[in-house]
């Protein structure tokens, strides 16, 4: 599964802390860029790998979020 994400430049990752008391594990989620940043964005869905708790977090509550590689290269010019 990880190999699929390495080949796909159009994947955004996000991290959030597990809300279960005493767990404090960081969970990671993946999503396509079209679902990120819009005002009608759906919450990010996570599954804690430590305790197995399923939870959702809004974009405002994320610890970190990546951007697709193409966004980083948008202003680059090569001679």
Protein backbone atom coordinates (compact mmCIF):
# COMPACT_ATOMS: atom_id res chain seq x y z
CA UNK A 1 0.00 0.00 0.00
CA UNK A 2 2.77 2.48 0.83
CA UNK A 3 4.28 1.92 -2.61
CA UNK A 4 1.05 3.17 -4.20
CA UNK A 5 1.33 6.50 -2.39
CA UNK A 6 4.98 6.97 -3.37
CA UNK A 7 4.01 6.68 -7.04
CA UNK A 8 1.00 9.00 -6.77
CA UNK A 9 1.90 12.71 -6.61
CA UNK A 10 -1.73 13.64 -5.94
CA UNK A 11 -1.95 12.47 -2.33
CA UNK A 12 -2.16 14.67 0.75
CA UNK A 13 -1.31 13.37 4.22
CA UNK A 14 -2.42 14.70 7.59
CA UNK A 15 -1.65 13.86 11.21
CA UNK A 16 -3.80 14.18 14.32
CA UNK A 17 -3.51 13.00 17.94
CA UNK A 18 -5.71 10.14 19.05
CA UNK A 19 -8.40 11.58 21.38
CA UNK A 20 -8.62 8.43 23.56
CA UNK A 21 -7.54 9.24 27.12
CA UNK A 22 -4.02 7.95 27.75
CA UNK A 23 -3.27 7.03 24.13
CA UNK A 24 -1.66 10.20 22.67
CA UNK A 25 -0.56 8.38 19.49
CA UNK A 26 -0.32 10.34 16.24
CA UNK A 27 -2.56 8.95 13.52
CA UNK A 28 -1.96 9.48 9.79
CA UNK A 29 -4.60 9.79 7.05
CA UNK A 30 -4.37 10.10 3.26
CA UNK A 31 -6.64 11.94 0.86
CA UNK A 32 -6.76 13.32 -2.69
CA UNK A 33 -6.18 17.10 -3.01
CA UNK A 34 -9.69 17.81 -4.33
CA UNK A 35 -11.04 17.04 -0.84
CA UNK A 36 -8.62 19.41 0.93
CA UNK A 37 -8.94 23.08 1.75
CA UNK A 38 -12.43 23.82 0.48
CA UNK A 39 -14.85 25.48 2.85
CA UNK A 40 -17.13 22.44 2.48
CA UNK A 41 -14.32 19.97 3.19
CA UNK A 42 -15.38 16.78 4.93
CA UNK A 43 -13.64 15.92 8.20
CA UNK A 44 -10.48 13.81 8.04
CA UNK A 45 -11.07 10.19 9.11
CA UNK A 46 -8.38 8.50 11.20
CA UNK A 47 -7.81 5.09 12.78
CA UNK A 48 -5.33 4.96 15.65
CA UNK A 49 -2.80 2.20 15.02
CA UNK A 50 -2.11 1.86 18.75
CA UNK A 51 -5.60 1.50 20.25
CA UNK A 52 -7.74 1.04 17.11
CA UNK A 53 -10.06 4.00 17.85
CA UNK A 54 -11.84 5.50 14.77
CA UNK A 55 -12.25 9.27 14.89
CA UNK A 56 -12.80 12.31 12.69
CA UNK A 57 -11.06 15.68 12.88
CA UNK A 58 -11.78 18.93 11.02
CA UNK A 59 -9.03 20.63 8.98
CA UNK A 60 -8.67 23.28 11.69
CA UNK A 61 -7.75 20.65 14.31
CA UNK A 62 -4.99 18.87 12.34
CA UNK A 63 -1.44 18.90 13.65
CA UNK A 64 0.05 18.88 10.15
CA UNK A 65 -1.00 18.55 6.54
CA UNK A 66 1.15 18.09 3.46
CA UNK A 67 0.51 19.49 0.00
CA UNK A 68 0.68 17.65 -3.32
CA UNK A 69 4.08 17.80 -5.02
CA UNK A 70 2.56 19.60 -8.02
CA UNK A 71 1.62 22.55 -5.77
CA UNK A 72 5.28 22.92 -4.77
CA UNK A 73 6.41 22.91 -8.40
CA UNK A 74 3.73 25.26 -9.73
CA UNK A 75 5.99 28.33 -9.73
CA UNK A 76 9.19 26.58 -10.80
CA UNK A 77 10.75 27.36 -14.17
CA UNK A 78 13.60 25.53 -15.81
CA UNK A 79 15.92 26.96 -18.47
